[in-house]
Amino acid sequence: RSCWIGPSEGLSLSILSRTMPVKQPEVNSAKAGNSVPVKFRLASDFGLDIIVDGYPRSQEIDCESGEPAAGSEPAMTAGGSSLTYDSEADQYIYVWQTDKVWKGTCRRLDIFLKDGTHHYANFEFK
């Protein structure tokens, strides 16, 4: 499953999947242990230094209420990758590596941009 943080004016973002919007703050489904490509566009190519240090972050949430159940931790990238920019597609790509032990839990991926905007998506791991 690929997430899309998509077309925006400035840095206002919304998350979409390949075929339909991923709802915020509803819980979206993902397979624990798989990577989740998070793709987004900004108004322009702002370079790769757009995310606040220490982010993205991941934290367990209550699947029903969406309330945080524990402290957050830095989100891991797949294969040691980092944020990239695809100039042909005019989009940023962050590949979030999920953990197999998250099966049966829900988590929030938090992305905090240097313009001060905070974006998240909730996932239920199968």
PDB file of N, CA and C in Angstrom:
ATOM      1  N   ARG A   1       0.849  -1.173   0.000  1.00  0.00           N
ATOM      2  CA  ARG A   1       0.000   0.000   0.000  1.00  0.00           C
ATOM      3  C   ARG A   1       0.892   1.231   0.000  1.00  0.00           C
ATOM      4  N   SER A   2       0.547   2.177  -0.802  1.00  0.00           N
ATOM      5  CA  SER A   2       1.287   3.423  -0.904  1.00  0.00           C
ATOM      6  C   SER A   2       0.418   4.543  -0.370  1.00  0.00           C
ATOM      7  N   CYS A   3       0.982   5.415   0.416  1.00  0.00           N
ATOM      8  CA  CYS A   3       0.249   6.591   0.892  1.00  0.00           C
ATOM      9  C   CYS A   3       0.662   7.780   0.069  1.00  0.00           C
ATOM     10  N   TRP A   4      -0.272   8.654  -0.177  1.00  0.00           N
ATOM     11  CA  TRP A   4       0.002   9.843  -0.951  1.00  0.00           C
ATOM     12  C   TRP A   4      -0.384  11.043  -0.117  1.00  0.00           C
ATOM     13  N   ILE A   5       0.572  11.917   0.112  1.00  0.00           N
ATOM     14  CA  ILE A   5       0.262  13.191   0.747  1.00  0.00           C
ATOM     15  C   ILE A   5       0.233  14.154  -0.419  1.00  0.00           C
ATOM     16  N   GLY A   6      -0.956  14.520  -0.855  1.00  0.00           N
ATOM     17  CA  GLY A   6      -1.022  15.007  -2.195  1.00  0.00           C
ATOM     18  C   GLY A   6      -1.496  16.382  -2.469  1.00  0.00           C
ATOM     19  N   PRO A   7      -1.690  16.683  -3.734  1.00  0.00           N
ATOM     20  CA  PRO A   7      -1.488  18.016  -4.263  1.00  0.00           C
ATOM     21  C   PRO A   7      -1.889  19.103  -3.289  1.00  0.00           C
ATOM     22  N   SER A   8      -1.061  20.112  -3.207  1.00  0.00           N
ATOM     23  CA  SER A   8      -1.294  21.115  -2.190  1.00  0.00           C
ATOM     24  C   SER A   8      -0.836  22.481  -2.658  1.00  0.00           C
ATOM     25  N   GLU A   9      -1.343  23.473  -2.023  1.00  0.00           N
ATOM     26  CA  GLU A   9      -0.847  24.835  -2.156  1.00  0.00           C
ATOM     27  C   GLU A   9       0.077  25.027  -0.973  1.00  0.00           C
ATOM     28  N   GLY A  10       1.266  25.485  -1.197  1.00  0.00           N
ATOM     29  CA  GLY A  10       2.211  25.642  -0.103  1.00  0.00           C
ATOM     30  C   GLY A  10       2.515  24.298   0.514  1.00  0.00           C
ATOM     31  N   LEU A  11       2.359  24.198   1.822  1.00  0.00           N
ATOM     32  CA  LEU A  11       2.696  22.966   2.513  1.00  0.00           C
ATOM     33  C   LEU A  11       1.487  22.333   3.184  1.00  0.00           C
ATOM     34  N   SER A  12       0.283  22.658   2.754  1.00  0.00           N
ATOM     35  CA  SER A  12      -0.922  22.049   3.305  1.00  0.00           C
ATOM     36  C   SER A  12      -1.102  20.678   2.664  1.00  0.00           C
ATOM     37  N   LEU A  13      -1.121  19.634   3.464  1.00  0.00           N
ATOM     38  CA  LEU A  13      -1.091  18.278   2.927  1.00  0.00           C
ATOM     39  C   LEU A  13      -2.319  17.461   3.313  1.00  0.00           C
ATOM     40  N   SER A  14      -2.672  16.501   2.461  1.00  0.00           N
ATOM     41  CA  SER A  14      -3.659  15.491   2.812  1.00  0.00           C
ATOM     42  C   SER A  14      -3.115  14.169   2.315  1.00  0.00           C
ATOM     43  N   ILE A  15      -3.416  13.090   3.014  1.00  0.00           N
ATOM     44  CA  ILE A  15      -2.853  11.793   2.685  1.00  0.00           C
ATOM     45  C   ILE A  15      -3.839  11.001   1.856  1.00  0.00           C
ATOM     46  N   LEU A  16      -3.358  10.424   0.762  1.00  0.00           N
ATOM     47  CA  LEU A  16      -4.190   9.634  -0.145  1.00  0.00           C
ATOM     48  C   LEU A  16      -3.487   8.315  -0.453  1.00  0.00           C
ATOM     49  N   SER A  17      -4.255   7.279  -0.723  1.00  0.00           N
ATOM     50  CA  SER A  17      -3.675   6.013  -1.177  1.00  0.00           C
ATOM     51  C   SER A  17      -3.630   6.034  -2.705  1.00  0.00           C
ATOM     52  N   ARG A  18      -3.250   4.931  -3.329  1.00  0.00           N
ATOM     53  CA  ARG A  18      -3.177   4.868  -4.788  1.00  0.00           C
ATOM     54  C   ARG A  18      -4.525   5.121  -5.438  1.00  0.00           C
ATOM     55  N   THR A  19      -5.597   4.639  -4.821  1.00  0.00           N
ATOM     56  CA  THR A  19      -6.887   4.676  -5.495  1.00  0.00           C
ATOM     57  C   THR A  19      -7.934   5.533  -4.811  1.00  0.00           C
ATOM     58  N   MET A  20      -7.784   5.805  -3.542  1.00  0.00           N
ATOM     59  CA  MET A  20      -8.785   6.602  -2.845  1.00  0.00           C
ATOM     60  C   MET A  20      -8.158   7.263  -1.630  1.00  0.00           C
ATOM     61  N   PRO A  21      -8.770   8.307  -1.097  1.00  0.00           N
ATOM     62  CA  PRO A  21      -8.175   8.987   0.047  1.00  0.00           C
ATOM     63  C   PRO A  21      -8.012   8.070   1.255  1.00  0.00           C
ATOM     64  N   VAL A  22      -6.864   8.194   1.913  1.00  0.00           N
ATOM     65  CA  VAL A  22      -6.668   7.579   3.218  1.00  0.00           C
ATOM     66  C   VAL A  22      -7.237   8.587   4.192  1.00  0.00           C
ATOM     67  N   LYS A  23      -8.182   8.157   4.997  1.00  0.00           N
ATOM     68  CA  LYS A  23      -8.915   9.076   5.858  1.00  0.00           C
ATOM     69  C   LYS A  23      -8.091   9.483   7.077  1.00  0.00           C
ATOM     70  N   GLN A  24      -8.187  10.745   7.444  1.00  0.00           N
ATOM     71  CA  GLN A  24      -7.586  11.261   8.655  1.00  0.00           C
ATOM     72  C   GLN A  24      -8.718  11.778   9.515  1.00  0.00           C
ATOM     73  N   PRO A  25      -8.906  11.437  10.727  1.00  0.00           N
ATOM     74  CA  PRO A  25      -8.039  10.586  11.533  1.00  0.00           C
ATOM     75  C   PRO A  25      -8.491   9.130  11.589  1.00  0.00           C
ATOM     76  N   GLU A  26      -9.280   8.682  10.626  1.00  0.00           N
ATOM     77  CA  GLU A  26      -9.715   7.285  10.634  1.00  0.00           C
ATOM     78  C   GLU A  26      -8.519   6.350  10.546  1.00  0.00           C
ATOM     79  N   VAL A  27      -8.748   5.082  10.878  1.00  0.00           N
ATOM     80  CA  VAL A  27      -7.671   4.092  10.869  1.00  0.00           C
ATOM     81  C   VAL A  27      -7.627   3.392   9.517  1.00  0.00           C
ATOM     82  N   ASN A  28      -6.452   3.372   8.905  1.00  0.00           N
ATOM     83  CA  ASN A  28      -6.213   2.722   7.622  1.00  0.00           C
ATOM     84  C   ASN A  28      -5.530   1.393   7.864  1.00  0.00           C
ATOM     85  N   SER A  29      -5.691   0.456   6.963  1.00  0.00           N
ATOM     86  CA  SER A  29      -5.153  -0.890   7.127  1.00  0.00           C
ATOM     87  C   SER A  29      -3.798  -1.037   6.445  1.00  0.00           C
ATOM     88  N   ALA A  30      -2.875  -1.740   7.123  1.00  0.00           N
ATOM     89  CA  ALA A  30      -1.560  -2.047   6.553  1.00  0.00           C
ATOM     90  C   ALA A  30      -1.098  -3.372   7.136  1.00  0.00           C
ATOM     91  N   LYS A  31      -0.180  -4.031   6.439  1.00  0.00           N
ATOM     92  CA  LYS A  31       0.359  -5.300   6.921  1.00  0.00           C
ATOM     93  C   LYS A  31       1.620  -5.033   7.739  1.00  0.00           C
ATOM     94  N   ALA A  32       1.612  -5.495   8.985  1.00  0.00           N
ATOM     95  CA  ALA A  32       2.764  -5.324   9.872  1.00  0.00           C
ATOM     96  C   ALA A  32       3.999  -5.955   9.252  1.00  0.00           C
ATOM     97  N   GLY A  33       5.107  -5.222   9.290  1.00  0.00           N
ATOM     98  CA  GLY A  33       6.363  -5.703   8.731  1.00  0.00           C
ATOM     99  C   GLY A  33       6.622  -5.222   7.320  1.00  0.00           C
ATOM    100  N   ASN A  34       5.589  -4.718   6.650  1.00  0.00           N
ATOM    101  CA  ASN A  34       5.765  -4.194   5.291  1.00  0.00           C
ATOM    102  C   ASN A  34       6.194  -2.731   5.336  1.00  0.00           C
ATOM    103  N   SER A  35       6.751  -2.269   4.242  1.00  0.00           N
ATOM    104  CA  SER A  35       7.073  -0.846   4.136  1.00  0.00           C
ATOM    105  C   SER A  35       5.878  -0.117   3.529  1.00  0.00           C
ATOM    106  N   VAL A  36       5.714   1.144   3.928  1.00  0.00           N
ATOM    107  CA  VAL A  36       4.615   1.982   3.432  1.00  0.00           C
ATOM    108  C   VAL A  36       5.233   3.215   2.768  1.00  0.00           C
ATOM    109  N   PRO A  37       5.225   3.280   1.426  1.00  0.00           N
ATOM    110  CA  PRO A  37       5.730   4.477   0.756  1.00  0.00           C
ATOM    111  C   PRO A  37       4.775   5.651   0.991  1.00  0.00           C
ATOM    112  N   VAL A  38       5.297   6.716   1.573  1.00  0.00           N
ATOM    113  CA  VAL A  38       4.514   7.921   1.822  1.00  0.00           C
ATOM    114  C   VAL A  38       4.989   8.959   0.814  1.00  0.00           C
ATOM    115  N   LYS A  39       4.084   9.365  -0.075  1.00  0.00           N
ATOM    116  CA  LYS A  39       4.427  10.287  -1.158  1.00  0.00           C
ATOM    117  C   LYS A  39       3.661  11.583  -0.973  1.00  0.00           C
ATOM    118  N   PHE A  40       4.346  12.699  -1.210  1.00  0.00           N
ATOM    119  CA  PHE A  40       3.655  13.976  -1.095  1.00  0.00           C
ATOM    120  C   PHE A  40       4.280  15.023  -1.998  1.00  0.00           C
ATOM    121  N   ARG A  41       3.451  16.012  -2.330  1.00  0.00           N
ATOM    122  CA  ARG A  41       3.884  17.149  -3.139  1.00  0.00           C
ATOM    123  C   ARG A  41       3.780  18.410  -2.307  1.00  0.00           C
ATOM    124  N   LEU A  42       4.688  19.314  -2.565  1.00  0.00           N
ATOM    125  CA  LEU A  42       4.616  20.652  -2.002  1.00  0.00           C
ATOM    126  C   LEU A  42       4.466  21.617  -3.177  1.00  0.00           C
ATOM    127  N   ALA A  43       4.392  22.886  -2.918  1.00  0.00           N
ATOM    128  CA  ALA A  43       4.190  23.855  -3.990  1.00  0.00           C
ATOM    129  C   ALA A  43       5.390  23.918  -4.930  1.00  0.00           C
ATOM    130  N   SER A  44       6.525  23.409  -4.467  1.00  0.00           N
ATOM    131  CA  SER A  44       7.750  23.454  -5.253  1.00  0.00           C
ATOM    132  C   SER A  44       8.722  22.435  -4.669  1.00  0.00           C
ATOM    133  N   ASP A  45       9.879  22.280  -5.277  1.00  0.00           N
ATOM    134  CA  ASP A  45      10.952  21.468  -4.721  1.00  0.00           C
ATOM    135  C   ASP A  45      11.675  22.329  -3.697  1.00  0.00           C
ATOM    136  N   PHE A  46      11.485  22.028  -2.417  1.00  0.00           N
ATOM    137  CA  PHE A  46      12.109  22.783  -1.339  1.00  0.00           C
ATOM    138  C   PHE A  46      13.388  22.117  -0.844  1.00  0.00           C
ATOM    139  N   GLY A  47      13.898  21.140  -1.586  1.00  0.00           N
ATOM    140  CA  GLY A  47      15.079  20.408  -1.141  1.00  0.00           C
ATOM    141  C   GLY A  47      14.670  19.313  -0.168  1.00  0.00           C
ATOM    142  N   LEU A  48      15.660  18.622   0.394  1.00  0.00           N
ATOM    143  CA  LEU A  48      15.363  17.483   1.264  1.00  0.00           C
ATOM    144  C   LEU A  48      15.343  17.834   2.750  1.00  0.00           C
ATOM    145  N   ASP A  49      15.690  19.052   3.096  1.00  0.00           N
ATOM    146  CA  ASP A  49      15.729  19.456   4.505  1.00  0.00           C
ATOM    147  C   ASP A  49      14.417  20.130   4.891  1.00  0.00           C
ATOM    148  N   ILE A  50      13.306  19.377   4.792  1.00  0.00           N
ATOM    149  CA  ILE A  50      11.971  19.958   5.017  1.00  0.00           C
ATOM    150  C   ILE A  50      11.279  19.401   6.255  1.00  0.00           C
ATOM    151  N   ILE A  51      11.830  18.313   6.817  1.00  0.00           N
ATOM    152  CA  ILE A  51      11.214  17.656   7.977  1.00  0.00           C
ATOM    153  C   ILE A  51      11.998  18.015   9.231  1.00  0.00           C
ATOM    154  N   VAL A  52      11.288  18.353  10.304  1.00  0.00           N
ATOM    155  CA  VAL A  52      11.910  18.696  11.578  1.00  0.00           C
ATOM    156  C   VAL A  52      12.748  17.516  12.080  1.00  0.00           C
ATOM    157  N   ASP A  53      13.926  17.827  12.626  1.00  0.00           N
ATOM    158  CA  ASP A  53      14.787  16.779  13.177  1.00  0.00           C
ATOM    159  C   ASP A  53      14.010  15.931  14.187  1.00  0.00           C
ATOM    160  N   GLY A  54      14.206  14.605  14.124  1.00  0.00           N
ATOM    161  CA  GLY A  54      13.500  13.687  15.019  1.00  0.00           C
ATOM    162  C   GLY A  54      12.186  13.171  14.457  1.00  0.00           C
ATOM    163  N   TYR A  55      11.794  13.655  13.300  1.00  0.00           N
ATOM    164  CA  TYR A  55      10.572  13.210  12.617  1.00  0.00           C
ATOM    165  C   TYR A  55      10.955  12.615  11.282  1.00  0.00           C
ATOM    166  N   PRO A  56      10.067  11.831  10.706  1.00  0.00           N
ATOM    167  CA  PRO A  56       8.778  11.343  11.178  1.00  0.00           C
ATOM    168  C   PRO A  56       8.911  10.485  12.441  1.00  0.00           C
ATOM    169  N   ARG A  57       7.803  10.403  13.170  1.00  0.00           N
ATOM    170  CA  ARG A  57       7.736   9.605  14.388  1.00  0.00           C
ATOM    171  C   ARG A  57       6.538   8.672  14.285  1.00  0.00           C
ATOM    172  N   SER A  58       6.605   7.593  15.061  1.00  0.00           N
ATOM    173  CA  SER A  58       5.535   6.601  15.088  1.00  0.00           C
ATOM    174  C   SER A  58       5.157   6.365  16.544  1.00  0.00           C
ATOM    175  N   GLN A  59       3.864   6.200  16.783  1.00  0.00           N
ATOM    176  CA  GLN A  59       3.439   5.875  18.144  1.00  0.00           C
ATOM    177  C   GLN A  59       2.196   5.003  18.109  1.00  0.00           C
ATOM    178  N   GLU A  60       2.104   4.134  19.109  1.00  0.00           N
ATOM    179  CA  GLU A  60       0.925   3.286  19.231  1.00  0.00           C
ATOM    180  C   GLU A  60      -0.249   4.158  19.639  1.00  0.00           C
ATOM    181  N   ILE A  61      -1.424   3.840  19.072  1.00  0.00           N
ATOM    182  CA  ILE A  61      -2.659   4.545  19.417  1.00  0.00           C
ATOM    183  C   ILE A  61      -3.742   3.526  19.722  1.00  0.00           C
ATOM    184  N   ASP A  62      -4.776   3.955  20.430  1.00  0.00           N
ATOM    185  CA  ASP A  62      -5.946   3.134  20.674  1.00  0.00           C
ATOM    186  C   ASP A  62      -6.710   3.041  19.357  1.00  0.00           C
ATOM    187  N   CYS A  63      -7.018   1.817  18.916  1.00  0.00           N
ATOM    188  CA  CYS A  63      -7.673   1.621  17.615  1.00  0.00           C
ATOM    189  C   CYS A  63      -9.069   2.229  17.551  1.00  0.00           C
ATOM    190  N   GLU A  64      -9.746   2.328  18.665  1.00  0.00           N
ATOM    191  CA  GLU A  64     -11.109   2.877  18.672  1.00  0.00           C
ATOM    192  C   GLU A  64     -11.111   4.398  18.740  1.00  0.00           C
ATOM    193  N   SER A  65     -10.367   4.956  19.689  1.00  0.00           N
ATOM    194  CA  SER A  65     -10.426   6.398  19.925  1.00  0.00           C
ATOM    195  C   SER A  65      -9.370   7.177  19.146  1.00  0.00           C
ATOM    196  N   GLY A  66      -8.293   6.508  18.752  1.00  0.00           N
ATOM    197  CA  GLY A  66      -7.187   7.198  18.100  1.00  0.00           C
ATOM    198  C   GLY A  66      -6.276   7.919  19.068  1.00  0.00           C
ATOM    199  N   GLU A  67      -6.577   7.800  20.367  1.00  0.00           N
ATOM    200  CA  GLU A  67      -5.746   8.464  21.382  1.00  0.00           C
ATOM    201  C   GLU A  67      -4.420   7.739  21.546  1.00  0.00           C
ATOM    202  N   PRO A  68      -3.338   8.491  21.750  1.00  0.00           N
ATOM    203  CA  PRO A  68      -2.026   7.861  21.958  1.00  0.00           C
ATOM    204  C   PRO A  68      -2.047   6.917  23.155  1.00  0.00           C
ATOM    205  N   ALA A  69      -1.461   5.738  22.960  1.00  0.00           N
ATOM    206  CA  ALA A  69      -1.408   4.731  24.025  1.00  0.00           C
ATOM    207  C   ALA A  69      -0.020   4.680  24.665  1.00  0.00           C
ATOM    208  N   ALA A  70       0.967   5.289  24.028  1.00  0.00           N
ATOM    209  CA  ALA A  70       2.336   5.258  24.538  1.00  0.00           C
ATOM    210  C   ALA A  70       3.115   6.397  23.900  1.00  0.00           C
ATOM    211  N   GLY A  71       4.349   6.587  24.353  1.00  0.00           N
ATOM    212  CA  GLY A  71       5.213   7.613  23.782  1.00  0.00           C
ATOM    213  C   GLY A  71       5.582   7.283  22.346  1.00  0.00           C
ATOM    214  N   SER A  72       6.064   8.284  21.637  1.00  0.00           N
ATOM    215  CA  SER A  72       6.426   8.072  20.239  1.00  0.00           C
ATOM    216  C   SER A  72       7.903   7.723  20.114  1.00  0.00           C
ATOM    217  N   GLU A  73       8.244   7.185  18.950  1.00  0.00           N
ATOM    218  CA  GLU A  73       9.622   6.812  18.646  1.00  0.00           C
ATOM    219  C   GLU A  73       9.915   7.230  17.208  1.00  0.00           C
ATOM    220  N   PRO A  74      11.176   7.432  16.872  1.00  0.00           N
ATOM    221  CA  PRO A  74      11.486   7.780  15.485  1.00  0.00           C
ATOM    222  C   PRO A  74      10.996   6.687  14.539  1.00  0.00           C
ATOM    223  N   ALA A  75      10.388   7.087  13.439  1.00  0.00           N
ATOM    224  CA  ALA A  75       9.951   6.129  12.417  1.00  0.00           C
ATOM    225  C   ALA A  75      11.191   5.639  11.679  1.00  0.00           C
ATOM    226  N   MET A  76      11.207   4.368  11.347  1.00  0.00           N
ATOM    227  CA  MET A  76      12.339   3.779  10.636  1.00  0.00           C
ATOM    228  C   MET A  76      12.045   3.782   9.133  1.00  0.00           C
ATOM    229  N   THR A  77      13.096   3.922   8.348  1.00  0.00           N
ATOM    230  CA  THR A  77      12.936   3.859   6.901  1.00  0.00           C
ATOM    231  C   THR A  77      13.315   2.468   6.408  1.00  0.00           C
ATOM    232  N   ALA A  78      12.774   2.092   5.284  1.00  0.00           N
ATOM    233  CA  ALA A  78      13.055   0.782   4.699  1.00  0.00           C
ATOM    234  C   ALA A  78      14.464   0.767   4.116  1.00  0.00           C
ATOM    235  N   GLY A  79      15.234  -0.240   4.483  1.00  0.00           N
ATOM    236  CA  GLY A  79      16.564  -0.425   3.916  1.00  0.00           C
ATOM    237  C   GLY A  79      17.519   0.725   4.142  1.00  0.00           C
ATOM    238  N   GLY A  80      17.319   1.481   5.215  1.00  0.00           N
ATOM    239  CA  GLY A  80      18.203   2.600   5.501  1.00  0.00           C
ATOM    240  C   GLY A  80      18.037   3.758   4.535  1.00  0.00           C
ATOM    241  N   SER A  81      16.918   3.786   3.813  1.00  0.00           N
ATOM    242  CA  SER A  81      16.669   4.882   2.864  1.00  0.00           C
ATOM    243  C   SER A  81      16.383   6.169   3.641  1.00  0.00           C
ATOM    244  N   SER A  82      16.217   7.249   2.923  1.00  0.00           N
ATOM    245  CA  SER A  82      15.859   8.519   3.539  1.00  0.00           C
ATOM    246  C   SER A  82      14.861   9.219   2.627  1.00  0.00           C
ATOM    247  N   LEU A  83      14.451  10.396   3.027  1.00  0.00           N
ATOM    248  CA  LEU A  83      13.542  11.175   2.190  1.00  0.00           C
ATOM    249  C   LEU A  83      14.205  11.429   0.841  1.00  0.00           C
ATOM    250  N   THR A  84      13.444  11.219  -0.227  1.00  0.00           N
ATOM    251  CA  THR A  84      13.949  11.494  -1.573  1.00  0.00           C
ATOM    252  C   THR A  84      12.960  12.399  -2.299  1.00  0.00           C
ATOM    253  N   TYR A  85      13.427  12.973  -3.391  1.00  0.00           N
ATOM    254  CA  TYR A  85      12.569  13.798  -4.230  1.00  0.00           C
ATOM    255  C   TYR A  85      12.658  13.274  -5.655  1.00  0.00           C
ATOM    256  N   ASP A  86      11.512  12.975  -6.245  1.00  0.00           N
ATOM    257  CA  ASP A  86      11.428  12.504  -7.626  1.00  0.00           C
ATOM    258  C   ASP A  86      11.030  13.701  -8.485  1.00  0.00           C
ATOM    259  N   SER A  87      11.997  14.278  -9.196  1.00  0.00           N
ATOM    260  CA  SER A  87      11.720  15.483  -9.972  1.00  0.00           C
ATOM    261  C   SER A  87      10.794  15.211 -11.161  1.00  0.00           C
ATOM    262  N   GLU A  88      10.853  14.003 -11.710  1.00  0.00           N
ATOM    263  CA  GLU A  88       9.958  13.664 -12.826  1.00  0.00           C
ATOM    264  C   GLU A  88       8.502  13.656 -12.388  1.00  0.00           C
ATOM    265  N   ALA A  89       8.234  13.049 -11.226  1.00  0.00           N
ATOM    266  CA  ALA A  89       6.871  12.976 -10.699  1.00  0.00           C
ATOM    267  C   ALA A  89       6.538  14.185  -9.833  1.00  0.00           C
ATOM    268  N   ASP A  90       7.532  15.037  -9.570  1.00  0.00           N
ATOM    269  CA  ASP A  90       7.358  16.222  -8.717  1.00  0.00           C
ATOM    270  C   ASP A  90       6.774  15.843  -7.362  1.00  0.00           C
ATOM    271  N   GLN A  91       7.410  14.853  -6.711  1.00  0.00           N
ATOM    272  CA  GLN A  91       6.921  14.407  -5.416  1.00  0.00           C
ATOM    273  C   GLN A  91       8.056  13.951  -4.508  1.00  0.00           C
ATOM    274  N   TYR A  92       7.817  14.102  -3.211  1.00  0.00           N
ATOM    275  CA  TYR A  92       8.721  13.583  -2.189  1.00  0.00           C
ATOM    276  C   TYR A  92       8.272  12.165  -1.849  1.00  0.00           C
ATOM    277  N   ILE A  93       9.232  11.331  -1.438  1.00  0.00           N
ATOM    278  CA  ILE A  93       8.916   9.954  -1.064  1.00  0.00           C
ATOM    279  C   ILE A  93       9.659   9.613   0.226  1.00  0.00           C
ATOM    280  N   TYR A  94       8.902   9.162   1.219  1.00  0.00           N
ATOM    281  CA  TYR A  94       9.457   8.661   2.476  1.00  0.00           C
ATOM    282  C   TYR A  94       8.916   7.245   2.634  1.00  0.00           C
ATOM    283  N   VAL A  95       9.800   6.245   2.709  1.00  0.00           N
ATOM    284  CA  VAL A  95       9.361   4.851   2.813  1.00  0.00           C
ATOM    285  C   VAL A  95       9.464   4.417   4.278  1.00  0.00           C
ATOM    286  N   TRP A  96       8.289   4.309   4.918  1.00  0.00           N
ATOM    287  CA  TRP A  96       8.199   3.955   6.339  1.00  0.00           C
ATOM    288  C   TRP A  96       8.250   2.445   6.475  1.00  0.00           C
ATOM    289  N   GLN A  97       9.211   1.950   7.249  1.00  0.00           N
ATOM    290  CA  GLN A  97       9.321   0.514   7.510  1.00  0.00           C
ATOM    291  C   GLN A  97       8.554   0.181   8.785  1.00  0.00           C
ATOM    292  N   THR A  98       7.517  -0.619   8.653  1.00  0.00           N
ATOM    293  CA  THR A  98       6.743  -1.024   9.828  1.00  0.00           C
ATOM    294  C   THR A  98       7.361  -2.284  10.428  1.00  0.00           C
ATOM    295  N   ASP A  99       6.917  -2.651  11.622  1.00  0.00           N
ATOM    296  CA  ASP A  99       7.491  -3.774  12.360  1.00  0.00           C
ATOM    297  C   ASP A  99       6.469  -4.903  12.480  1.00  0.00           C
ATOM    298  N   LYS A 100       6.922  -6.141  12.312  1.00  0.00           N
ATOM    299  CA  LYS A 100       6.027  -7.303  12.412  1.00  0.00           C
ATOM    300  C   LYS A 100       5.347  -7.396  13.768  1.00  0.00           C
ATOM    301  N   VAL A 101       6.013  -6.919  14.828  1.00  0.00           N
ATOM    302  CA  VAL A 101       5.425  -7.010  16.174  1.00  0.00           C
ATOM    303  C   VAL A 101       4.234  -6.072  16.341  1.00  0.00           C
ATOM    304  N   TRP A 102       3.994  -5.192  15.372  1.00  0.00           N
ATOM    305  CA  TRP A 102       2.838  -4.292  15.434  1.00  0.00           C
ATOM    306  C   TRP A 102       1.543  -4.965  15.021  1.00  0.00           C
ATOM    307  N   LYS A 103       1.614  -6.221  14.599  1.00  0.00           N
ATOM    308  CA  LYS A 103       0.410  -6.948  14.186  1.00  0.00           C
ATOM    309  C   LYS A 103      -0.630  -6.897  15.308  1.00  0.00           C
ATOM    310  N   GLY A 104      -1.860  -6.542  14.940  1.00  0.00           N
ATOM    311  CA  GLY A 104      -2.943  -6.465  15.913  1.00  0.00           C
ATOM    312  C   GLY A 104      -2.990  -5.153  16.676  1.00  0.00           C
ATOM    313  N   THR A 105      -2.122  -4.192  16.327  1.00  0.00           N
ATOM    314  CA  THR A 105      -2.116  -2.892  16.999  1.00  0.00           C
ATOM    315  C   THR A 105      -2.418  -1.788  15.986  1.00  0.00           C
ATOM    316  N   CYS A 106      -2.573  -0.591  16.499  1.00  0.00           N
ATOM    317  CA  CYS A 106      -2.743   0.589  15.657  1.00  0.00           C
ATOM    318  C   CYS A 106      -1.627   1.571  15.975  1.00  0.00           C
ATOM    319  N   ARG A 107      -1.192   2.313  14.958  1.00  0.00           N
ATOM    320  CA  ARG A 107      -0.112   3.279  15.128  1.00  0.00           C
ATOM    321  C   ARG A 107      -0.413   4.531  14.318  1.00  0.00           C
ATOM    322  N   ARG A 108       0.223   5.601  14.718  1.00  0.00           N
ATOM    323  CA  ARG A 108       0.131   6.878  14.011  1.00  0.00           C
ATOM    324  C   ARG A 108       1.511   7.218  13.471  1.00  0.00           C
ATOM    325  N   LEU A 109       1.566   7.609  12.211  1.00  0.00           N
ATOM    326  CA  LEU A 109       2.785   8.139  11.622  1.00  0.00           C
ATOM    327  C   LEU A 109       2.652   9.653  11.623  1.00  0.00           C
ATOM    328  N   ASP A 110       3.563  10.333  12.332  1.00  0.00           N
ATOM    329  CA  ASP A 110       3.560  11.793  12.441  1.00  0.00           C
ATOM    330  C   ASP A 110       4.667  12.382  11.585  1.00  0.00           C
ATOM    331  N   ILE A 111       4.327  13.374  10.779  1.00  0.00           N
ATOM    332  CA  ILE A 111       5.310  14.092   9.983  1.00  0.00           C
ATOM    333  C   ILE A 111       5.173  15.573  10.333  1.00  0.00           C
ATOM    334  N   PHE A 112       6.259  16.163  10.813  1.00  0.00           N
ATOM    335  CA  PHE A 112       6.274  17.560  11.228  1.00  0.00           C
ATOM    336  C   PHE A 112       7.234  18.302  10.300  1.00  0.00           C
ATOM    337  N   LEU A 113       6.691  19.216   9.494  1.00  0.00           N
ATOM    338  CA  LEU A 113       7.497  19.944   8.527  1.00  0.00           C
ATOM    339  C   LEU A 113       8.049  21.235   9.131  1.00  0.00           C
ATOM    340  N   LYS A 114       9.153  21.690   8.582  1.00  0.00           N
ATOM    341  CA  LYS A 114       9.834  22.871   9.110  1.00  0.00           C
ATOM    342  C   LYS A 114       9.035  24.154   8.953  1.00  0.00           C
ATOM    343  N   ASP A 115       7.953  24.122   8.183  1.00  0.00           N
ATOM    344  CA  ASP A 115       7.097  25.307   8.099  1.00  0.00           C
ATOM    345  C   ASP A 115       6.140  25.376   9.280  1.00  0.00           C
ATOM    346  N   GLY A 116       6.244  24.389  10.188  1.00  0.00           N
ATOM    347  CA  GLY A 116       5.404  24.370  11.386  1.00  0.00           C
ATOM    348  C   GLY A 116       4.145  23.543  11.241  1.00  0.00           C
ATOM    349  N   THR A 117       3.898  22.944  10.075  1.00  0.00           N
ATOM    350  CA  THR A 117       2.697  22.129   9.899  1.00  0.00           C
ATOM    351  C   THR A 117       2.967  20.695  10.322  1.00  0.00           C
ATOM    352  N   HIS A 118       1.958  20.095  10.934  1.00  0.00           N
ATOM    353  CA  HIS A 118       2.044  18.747  11.488  1.00  0.00           C
ATOM    354  C   HIS A 118       0.991  17.897  10.795  1.00  0.00           C
ATOM    355  N   HIS A 119       1.403  16.730  10.267  1.00  0.00           N
ATOM    356  CA  HIS A 119       0.507  15.855   9.516  1.00  0.00           C
ATOM    357  C   HIS A 119       0.635  14.441  10.039  1.00  0.00           C
ATOM    358  N   TYR A 120      -0.465  13.696  10.025  1.00  0.00           N
ATOM    359  CA  TYR A 120      -0.400  12.318  10.508  1.00  0.00           C
ATOM    360  C   TYR A 120      -1.409  11.450   9.786  1.00  0.00           C
ATOM    361  N   ALA A 121      -1.157  10.142   9.878  1.00  0.00           N
ATOM    362  CA  ALA A 121      -2.099   9.145   9.384  1.00  0.00           C
ATOM    363  C   ALA A 121      -2.096   7.995  10.371  1.00  0.00           C
ATOM    364  N   ASN A 122      -3.274   7.434  10.634  1.00  0.00           N
ATOM    365  CA  ASN A 122      -3.430   6.315  11.564  1.00  0.00           C
ATOM    366  C   ASN A 122      -3.553   5.011  10.778  1.00  0.00           C
ATOM    367  N   PHE A 123      -2.918   3.964  11.302  1.00  0.00           N
ATOM    368  CA  PHE A 123      -2.922   2.655  10.638  1.00  0.00           C
ATOM    369  C   PHE A 123      -3.248   1.559  11.633  1.00  0.00           C
ATOM    370  N   GLU A 124      -4.018   0.582  11.166  1.00  0.00           N
ATOM    371  CA  GLU A 124      -4.260  -0.659  11.910  1.00  0.00           C
ATOM    372  C   GLU A 124      -3.433  -1.731  11.209  1.00  0.00           C
ATOM    373  N   PHE A 125      -2.622  -2.461  11.996  1.00  0.00           N
ATOM    374  CA  PHE A 125      -1.726  -3.456  11.398  1.00  0.00           C
ATOM    375  C   PHE A 125      -2.291  -4.846  11.530  1.00  0.00           C
ATOM    376  N   LYS A 126      -2.369  -5.505  10.402  1.00  0.00           N
ATOM    377  CA  LYS A 126      -2.883  -6.868  10.300  1.00  0.00           C
ATOM    378  C   LYS A 126      -1.733  -7.840  10.265  1.00  0.00           C
TER     379      LYS A 126
END
